[in-house]
Amino acid sequence: MTGQVRTVDGRVAGRRGQATRQKLLDCLGEMLSTSPYRDVKVIDVARMAGTSPATFYQYFPDVEGAVLELADEMAKEGAGLTELLAGRSWVGKAGAQTADDLVDGFLSFWRKHDAILRVVDLGAAEGDKRFNRIRTRILTAVSGSLTDSVKELQSKGRVDKDVSAPAVAGSLVAMLAAVAAHQKGFSGTGVKQADLKPSLALIVHLGVTGKKPTK
């Protein structure tokens, strides 16, 4: 955590206050992984953290406010997904590895933050602009890097110039997000988890380069 942490009334929290605030966020995150978002109450989060509702309200206006803090922290980590593409090649076997690493990193990120991402998706679907902005931050970071990758291949004559790089990148990222959010659901449809990642990597590679990956 960087910068000053303030209470709801604007006071700067000391080390102990920051630790209490973080513990409340950690407990909230744990509760979201086992309980529906709408069922989580301030008193339950405070009890799990070993403190009182009054203390909770020192740092957050309500459960939703605390959820937004968790989502913001998660989005900052999500920006790091662009590192999976920075300086990477899409040619030959290196290109196949780039696609594999992107898919693996994307799926791993979604599994790690599954609980809060479900809440973000719910809020965005309901039209809450705050949650929509957070979701967009995560996806735009990756689609921007993918757009650059396609444009670079176009500049070298490896991809048709008539292809819309932003459209291809945006579509691929939307697909990854949808599949990542549904990872657990595939088990009941006959799709093996072991087949999921290589299949996605194939689609991503085809989308970016227009060619099957080199084995």
C-alpha atoms as a PDB file:
ATOM      1  CA  MET A   1       0.000   0.000   0.000  1.00  0.00           C
ATOM      2  CA  THR A   2       1.463   3.349  -1.013  1.00  0.00           C
ATOM      3  CA  GLY A   3       0.616   6.903  -0.088  1.00  0.00           C
ATOM      4  CA  GLN A   4      -1.366   8.142   2.874  1.00  0.00           C
ATOM      5  CA  VAL A   5      -4.345   6.147   4.062  1.00  0.00           C
ATOM      6  CA  ARG A   6      -7.154   8.297   5.394  1.00  0.00           C
ATOM      7  CA  THR A   7     -10.202   7.561   7.473  1.00  0.00           C
ATOM      8  CA  VAL A   8     -13.682   8.439   6.255  1.00  0.00           C
ATOM      9  CA  ASP A   9     -13.514  11.786   8.058  1.00  0.00           C
ATOM     10  CA  GLY A  10     -10.189  12.678   6.419  1.00  0.00           C
ATOM     11  CA  ARG A  11      -7.708  11.876   9.190  1.00  0.00           C
ATOM     12  CA  VAL A  12      -4.426  10.205   8.225  1.00  0.00           C
ATOM     13  CA  ALA A  13      -4.317   6.657   9.577  1.00  0.00           C
ATOM     14  CA  GLY A  14      -1.232   5.553  11.482  1.00  0.00           C
ATOM     15  CA  ARG A  15       0.468   2.192  11.103  1.00  0.00           C
ATOM     16  CA  ARG A  16      -1.944   0.475  13.444  1.00  0.00           C
ATOM     17  CA  GLY A  17      -4.901   1.998  11.654  1.00  0.00           C
ATOM     18  CA  GLN A  18      -3.533   0.954   8.285  1.00  0.00           C
ATOM     19  CA  ALA A  19      -3.064  -2.594   9.553  1.00  0.00           C
ATOM     20  CA  THR A  20      -6.652  -2.667  10.850  1.00  0.00           C
ATOM     21  CA  ARG A  21      -7.966  -1.319   7.559  1.00  0.00           C
ATOM     22  CA  GLN A  22      -6.055  -3.954   5.595  1.00  0.00           C
ATOM     23  CA  LYS A  23      -7.280  -6.714   7.882  1.00  0.00           C
ATOM     24  CA  LEU A  24     -10.847  -5.608   7.260  1.00  0.00           C
ATOM     25  CA  LEU A  25     -10.228  -5.751   3.508  1.00  0.00           C
ATOM     26  CA  ASP A  26      -8.621  -9.184   3.801  1.00  0.00           C
ATOM     27  CA  CYS A  27     -11.569 -10.512   5.785  1.00  0.00           C
ATOM     28  CA  LEU A  28     -14.021  -9.014   3.322  1.00  0.00           C
ATOM     29  CA  GLY A  29     -12.183 -10.678   0.454  1.00  0.00           C
ATOM     30  CA  GLU A  30     -12.347 -14.010   2.261  1.00  0.00           C
ATOM     31  CA  MET A  31     -16.063 -13.625   2.902  1.00  0.00           C
ATOM     32  CA  LEU A  32     -16.757 -12.775  -0.736  1.00  0.00           C
ATOM     33  CA  SER A  33     -15.197 -16.091  -1.730  1.00  0.00           C
ATOM     34  CA  THR A  34     -17.774 -18.034   0.289  1.00  0.00           C
ATOM     35  CA  SER A  35     -20.849 -15.782   0.458  1.00  0.00           C
ATOM     36  CA  PRO A  36     -22.951 -13.872  -2.095  1.00  0.00           C
ATOM     37  CA  TYR A  37     -21.973 -10.201  -2.236  1.00  0.00           C
ATOM     38  CA  ARG A  38     -25.427  -9.002  -1.149  1.00  0.00           C
ATOM     39  CA  ASP A  39     -25.310 -11.211   1.963  1.00  0.00           C
ATOM     40  CA  VAL A  40     -22.079  -9.750   3.363  1.00  0.00           C
ATOM     41  CA  LYS A  41     -22.767  -7.422   6.304  1.00  0.00           C
ATOM     42  CA  VAL A  42     -20.531  -4.920   8.067  1.00  0.00           C
ATOM     43  CA  ILE A  43     -20.991  -6.619  11.418  1.00  0.00           C
ATOM     44  CA  ASP A  44     -19.843  -9.957   9.982  1.00  0.00           C
ATOM     45  CA  VAL A  45     -16.711  -8.459   8.408  1.00  0.00           C
ATOM     46  CA  ALA A  46     -15.885  -6.617  11.633  1.00  0.00           C
ATOM     47  CA  ARG A  47     -16.406  -9.741  13.732  1.00  0.00           C
ATOM     48  CA  MET A  48     -14.106 -11.789  11.495  1.00  0.00           C
ATOM     49  CA  ALA A  49     -11.463  -9.070  11.739  1.00  0.00           C
ATOM     50  CA  GLY A  50     -11.758  -9.036  15.531  1.00  0.00           C
ATOM     51  CA  THR A  51     -13.001  -5.466  15.693  1.00  0.00           C
ATOM     52  CA  SER A  52     -16.267  -3.527  15.761  1.00  0.00           C
ATOM     53  CA  PRO A  53     -18.638  -2.100  13.140  1.00  0.00           C
ATOM     54  CA  ALA A  54     -17.713   1.365  14.428  1.00  0.00           C
ATOM     55  CA  THR A  55     -14.105   0.681  13.472  1.00  0.00           C
ATOM     56  CA  PHE A  56     -15.175  -0.525  10.041  1.00  0.00           C
ATOM     57  CA  TYR A  57     -17.037   2.725   9.459  1.00  0.00           C
ATOM     58  CA  GLN A  58     -13.909   4.693  10.315  1.00  0.00           C
ATOM     59  CA  TYR A  59     -12.349   3.440   7.091  1.00  0.00           C
ATOM     60  CA  PHE A  60     -15.244   2.626   4.753  1.00  0.00           C
ATOM     61  CA  PRO A  61     -18.717   4.146   4.275  1.00  0.00           C
ATOM     62  CA  ASP A  62     -20.266   0.706   3.736  1.00  0.00           C
ATOM     63  CA  VAL A  63     -19.531  -2.772   2.372  1.00  0.00           C
ATOM     64  CA  GLU A  64     -19.758  -1.525  -1.192  1.00  0.00           C
ATOM     65  CA  GLY A  65     -17.141   1.138  -0.500  1.00  0.00           C
ATOM     66  CA  ALA A  66     -14.784  -1.502   0.871  1.00  0.00           C
ATOM     67  CA  VAL A  67     -15.467  -3.756  -2.116  1.00  0.00           C
ATOM     68  CA  LEU A  68     -14.501  -0.905  -4.430  1.00  0.00           C
ATOM     69  CA  GLU A  69     -11.214  -0.561  -2.545  1.00  0.00           C
ATOM     70  CA  LEU A  70     -10.529  -4.266  -3.047  1.00  0.00           C
ATOM     71  CA  ALA A  71     -11.452  -3.975  -6.701  1.00  0.00           C
ATOM     72  CA  ASP A  72      -9.146  -1.006  -7.182  1.00  0.00           C
ATOM     73  CA  GLU A  73      -6.207  -2.902  -5.665  1.00  0.00           C
ATOM     74  CA  MET A  74      -6.998  -5.859  -7.900  1.00  0.00           C
ATOM     75  CA  ALA A  75      -7.133  -3.621 -10.982  1.00  0.00           C
ATOM     76  CA  LYS A  76      -3.683  -2.229 -10.207  1.00  0.00           C
ATOM     77  CA  GLU A  77      -2.341  -5.774 -10.167  1.00  0.00           C
ATOM     78  CA  GLY A  78      -4.229  -6.504 -13.376  1.00  0.00           C
ATOM     79  CA  ALA A  79      -2.293  -3.763 -15.139  1.00  0.00           C
ATOM     80  CA  GLY A  80       0.723  -6.036 -14.736  1.00  0.00           C
ATOM     81  CA  LEU A  81      -0.768  -8.445 -17.277  1.00  0.00           C
ATOM     82  CA  THR A  82       0.703  -6.194 -19.957  1.00  0.00           C
ATOM     83  CA  GLU A  83       4.143  -7.433 -18.899  1.00  0.00           C
ATOM     84  CA  LEU A  84       3.218 -10.770 -20.475  1.00  0.00           C
ATOM     85  CA  LEU A  85       3.328  -9.011 -23.848  1.00  0.00           C
ATOM     86  CA  ALA A  86       6.041  -6.397 -23.419  1.00  0.00           C
ATOM     87  CA  GLY A  87       8.851  -6.997 -25.882  1.00  0.00           C
ATOM     88  CA  ARG A  88       7.543 -10.447 -26.781  1.00  0.00           C
ATOM     89  CA  SER A  89       7.732 -11.951 -30.253  1.00  0.00           C
ATOM     90  CA  TRP A  90       4.787 -13.431 -32.161  1.00  0.00           C
ATOM     91  CA  VAL A  91       6.984 -15.163 -34.735  1.00  0.00           C
ATOM     92  CA  GLY A  92       7.760 -18.892 -34.817  1.00  0.00           C
ATOM     93  CA  LYS A  93       8.014 -20.901 -31.619  1.00  0.00           C
ATOM     94  CA  ALA A  94       8.460 -17.682 -29.632  1.00  0.00           C
ATOM     95  CA  GLY A  95       5.022 -16.587 -30.806  1.00  0.00           C
ATOM     96  CA  ALA A  96       3.473 -19.819 -29.604  1.00  0.00           C
ATOM     97  CA  GLN A  97       5.087 -19.291 -26.204  1.00  0.00           C
ATOM     98  CA  THR A  98       3.799 -15.704 -26.050  1.00  0.00           C
ATOM     99  CA  ALA A  99       0.241 -16.904 -26.643  1.00  0.00           C
ATOM    100  CA  ASP A 100       0.634 -19.646 -24.028  1.00  0.00           C
ATOM    101  CA  ASP A 101       2.009 -17.230 -21.430  1.00  0.00           C
ATOM    102  CA  LEU A 102      -0.721 -14.658 -22.036  1.00  0.00           C
ATOM    103  CA  VAL A 103      -3.501 -17.217 -21.654  1.00  0.00           C
ATOM    104  CA  ASP A 104      -1.890 -18.796 -18.589  1.00  0.00           C
ATOM    105  CA  GLY A 105      -1.404 -15.408 -16.938  1.00  0.00           C
ATOM    106  CA  PHE A 106      -4.945 -14.312 -17.732  1.00  0.00           C
ATOM    107  CA  LEU A 107      -6.554 -17.472 -16.388  1.00  0.00           C
ATOM    108  CA  SER A 108      -4.340 -17.421 -13.275  1.00  0.00           C
ATOM    109  CA  PHE A 109      -5.241 -13.794 -12.558  1.00  0.00           C
ATOM    110  CA  TRP A 110      -8.953 -14.581 -12.821  1.00  0.00           C
ATOM    111  CA  ARG A 111      -8.661 -17.612 -10.554  1.00  0.00           C
ATOM    112  CA  LYS A 112      -6.742 -15.611  -7.941  1.00  0.00           C
ATOM    113  CA  HIS A 113      -9.295 -12.784  -7.913  1.00  0.00           C
ATOM    114  CA  ASP A 114     -12.397 -14.797  -8.776  1.00  0.00           C
ATOM    115  CA  ALA A 115     -14.488 -13.531  -5.852  1.00  0.00           C
ATOM    116  CA  ILE A 116     -13.936  -9.814  -6.385  1.00  0.00           C
ATOM    117  CA  LEU A 117     -14.116 -10.120 -10.176  1.00  0.00           C
ATOM    118  CA  ARG A 118     -17.558 -11.713  -9.856  1.00  0.00           C
ATOM    119  CA  VAL A 119     -18.687  -8.671  -7.880  1.00  0.00           C
ATOM    120  CA  VAL A 120     -17.110  -6.308 -10.407  1.00  0.00           C
ATOM    121  CA  ASP A 121     -18.854  -8.114 -13.281  1.00  0.00           C
ATOM    122  CA  LEU A 122     -22.159  -7.985 -11.403  1.00  0.00           C
ATOM    123  CA  GLY A 123     -21.843  -4.281 -10.706  1.00  0.00           C
ATOM    124  CA  ALA A 124     -20.818  -3.524 -14.285  1.00  0.00           C
ATOM    125  CA  ALA A 125     -23.721  -5.598 -15.648  1.00  0.00           C
ATOM    126  CA  GLU A 126     -26.104  -3.625 -13.434  1.00  0.00           C
ATOM    127  CA  GLY A 127     -24.828  -0.384 -14.923  1.00  0.00           C
ATOM    128  CA  ASP A 128     -22.687   0.788 -12.007  1.00  0.00           C
ATOM    129  CA  LYS A 129     -20.116   3.038 -13.694  1.00  0.00           C
ATOM    130  CA  ARG A 130     -17.615   2.620 -10.859  1.00  0.00           C
ATOM    131  CA  PHE A 131     -17.390  -1.128 -11.342  1.00  0.00           C
ATOM    132  CA  ASN A 132     -17.484  -0.742 -15.111  1.00  0.00           C
ATOM    133  CA  ARG A 133     -14.478   1.600 -14.997  1.00  0.00           C
ATOM    134  CA  ILE A 134     -12.503  -0.923 -12.966  1.00  0.00           C
ATOM    135  CA  ARG A 135     -13.340  -3.758 -15.353  1.00  0.00           C
ATOM    136  CA  THR A 136     -12.438  -1.573 -18.319  1.00  0.00           C
ATOM    137  CA  ARG A 137      -9.078  -0.674 -16.752  1.00  0.00           C
ATOM    138  CA  ILE A 138      -8.096  -4.333 -16.572  1.00  0.00           C
ATOM    139  CA  LEU A 139      -9.236  -5.290 -20.057  1.00  0.00           C
ATOM    140  CA  THR A 140      -8.046  -2.125 -21.789  1.00  0.00           C
ATOM    141  CA  ALA A 141      -4.509  -2.564 -20.493  1.00  0.00           C
ATOM    142  CA  VAL A 142      -4.217  -5.971 -22.160  1.00  0.00           C
ATOM    143  CA  SER A 143      -6.113  -5.064 -25.336  1.00  0.00           C
ATOM    144  CA  GLY A 144      -3.875  -2.027 -25.786  1.00  0.00           C
ATOM    145  CA  SER A 145      -0.758  -4.193 -25.677  1.00  0.00           C
ATOM    146  CA  LEU A 146      -2.309  -6.734 -28.051  1.00  0.00           C
ATOM    147  CA  THR A 147      -3.261  -3.919 -30.421  1.00  0.00           C
ATOM    148  CA  ASP A 148       0.371  -2.825 -30.503  1.00  0.00           C
ATOM    149  CA  SER A 149       1.430  -6.411 -31.246  1.00  0.00           C
ATOM    150  CA  VAL A 150      -0.915  -6.680 -34.231  1.00  0.00           C
ATOM    151  CA  LYS A 151       0.146  -3.270 -35.553  1.00  0.00           C
ATOM    152  CA  GLU A 152       3.806  -4.249 -35.306  1.00  0.00           C
ATOM    153  CA  LEU A 153       3.143  -7.404 -37.325  1.00  0.00           C
ATOM    154  CA  GLN A 154       1.259  -5.295 -39.867  1.00  0.00           C
ATOM    155  CA  SER A 155       4.203  -2.918 -40.193  1.00  0.00           C
ATOM    156  CA  LYS A 156       6.413  -5.891 -41.046  1.00  0.00           C
ATOM    157  CA  GLY A 157       3.959  -7.268 -43.602  1.00  0.00           C
ATOM    158  CA  ARG A 158       3.097 -10.318 -41.530  1.00  0.00           C
ATOM    159  CA  VAL A 159      -0.559  -9.357 -40.996  1.00  0.00           C
ATOM    160  CA  ASP A 160      -2.945  -7.855 -43.565  1.00  0.00           C
ATOM    161  CA  LYS A 161      -3.131  -4.075 -43.198  1.00  0.00           C
ATOM    162  CA  ASP A 162      -6.913  -4.192 -43.656  1.00  0.00           C
ATOM    163  CA  VAL A 163      -7.266  -6.001 -40.328  1.00  0.00           C
ATOM    164  CA  SER A 164      -8.466  -3.726 -37.528  1.00  0.00           C
ATOM    165  CA  ALA A 165      -5.880  -4.211 -34.779  1.00  0.00           C
ATOM    166  CA  PRO A 166      -8.052  -2.679 -32.009  1.00  0.00           C
ATOM    167  CA  ALA A 167     -11.056  -4.793 -33.001  1.00  0.00           C
ATOM    168  CA  VAL A 168      -9.029  -8.009 -33.060  1.00  0.00           C
ATOM    169  CA  ALA A 169      -7.362  -7.219 -29.738  1.00  0.00           C
ATOM    170  CA  GLY A 170     -10.610  -6.185 -28.053  1.00  0.00           C
ATOM    171  CA  SER A 171     -12.387  -9.321 -29.243  1.00  0.00           C
ATOM    172  CA  LEU A 172      -9.623 -11.610 -28.026  1.00  0.00           C
ATOM    173  CA  VAL A 173      -9.492  -9.981 -24.602  1.00  0.00           C
ATOM    174  CA  ALA A 174     -13.281 -10.116 -24.249  1.00  0.00           C
ATOM    175  CA  MET A 175     -13.129 -13.827 -25.100  1.00  0.00           C
ATOM    176  CA  LEU A 176     -10.376 -14.430 -22.538  1.00  0.00           C
ATOM    177  CA  ALA A 177     -12.328 -12.593 -19.849  1.00  0.00           C
ATOM    178  CA  ALA A 178     -15.519 -14.524 -20.573  1.00  0.00           C
ATOM    179  CA  VAL A 179     -13.779 -17.895 -20.554  1.00  0.00           C
ATOM    180  CA  ALA A 180     -11.705 -17.026 -17.484  1.00  0.00           C
ATOM    181  CA  ALA A 181     -14.854 -16.093 -15.570  1.00  0.00           C
ATOM    182  CA  HIS A 182     -16.457 -19.404 -16.558  1.00  0.00           C
ATOM    183  CA  GLN A 183     -13.526 -21.712 -15.804  1.00  0.00           C
ATOM    184  CA  LYS A 184     -15.345 -23.698 -13.129  1.00  0.00           C
ATOM    185  CA  GLY A 185     -18.458 -24.025 -15.275  1.00  0.00           C
ATOM    186  CA  PHE A 186     -16.696 -25.918 -18.043  1.00  0.00           C
ATOM    187  CA  SER A 187     -16.380 -29.025 -15.890  1.00  0.00           C
ATOM    188  CA  GLY A 188     -20.065 -29.752 -16.408  1.00  0.00           C
ATOM    189  CA  THR A 189     -20.001 -29.326 -20.177  1.00  0.00           C
ATOM    190  CA  GLY A 190     -17.492 -32.004 -21.112  1.00  0.00           C
ATOM    191  CA  VAL A 191     -14.626 -29.539 -21.588  1.00  0.00           C
ATOM    192  CA  LYS A 192     -11.465 -30.742 -19.861  1.00  0.00           C
ATOM    193  CA  GLN A 193      -9.460 -28.134 -17.983  1.00  0.00           C
ATOM    194  CA  ALA A 194      -6.295 -29.580 -19.501  1.00  0.00           C
ATOM    195  CA  ASP A 195      -7.629 -28.745 -22.993  1.00  0.00           C
ATOM    196  CA  LEU A 196      -8.785 -25.240 -22.156  1.00  0.00           C
ATOM    197  CA  LYS A 197      -5.476 -23.374 -22.067  1.00  0.00           C
ATOM    198  CA  PRO A 198      -3.969 -24.803 -25.289  1.00  0.00           C
ATOM    199  CA  SER A 199      -7.258 -24.221 -27.113  1.00  0.00           C
ATOM    200  CA  LEU A 200      -7.352 -20.591 -26.004  1.00  0.00           C
ATOM    201  CA  ALA A 201      -3.689 -20.128 -26.875  1.00  0.00           C
ATOM    202  CA  LEU A 202      -4.391 -21.446 -30.385  1.00  0.00           C
ATOM    203  CA  ILE A 203      -7.278 -18.994 -30.853  1.00  0.00           C
ATOM    204  CA  VAL A 204      -5.215 -16.074 -29.539  1.00  0.00           C
ATOM    205  CA  HIS A 205      -2.282 -16.911 -31.793  1.00  0.00           C
ATOM    206  CA  LEU A 206      -4.571 -17.246 -34.811  1.00  0.00           C
ATOM    207  CA  GLY A 207      -6.252 -13.969 -33.957  1.00  0.00           C
ATOM    208  CA  VAL A 208      -3.034 -12.007 -33.609  1.00  0.00           C
ATOM    209  CA  THR A 209      -0.974 -13.538 -36.412  1.00  0.00           C
ATOM    210  CA  GLY A 210      -3.541 -15.147 -38.705  1.00  0.00           C
ATOM    211  CA  LYS A 211      -1.520 -18.364 -38.544  1.00  0.00           C
ATOM    212  CA  LYS A 212      -1.364 -21.533 -36.489  1.00  0.00           C
ATOM    213  CA  PRO A 213       1.441 -21.516 -33.897  1.00  0.00           C
ATOM    214  CA  THR A 214       4.700 -23.210 -34.764  1.00  0.00           C
ATOM    215  CA  LYS A 215       5.206 -26.405 -32.784  1.00  0.00           C
END
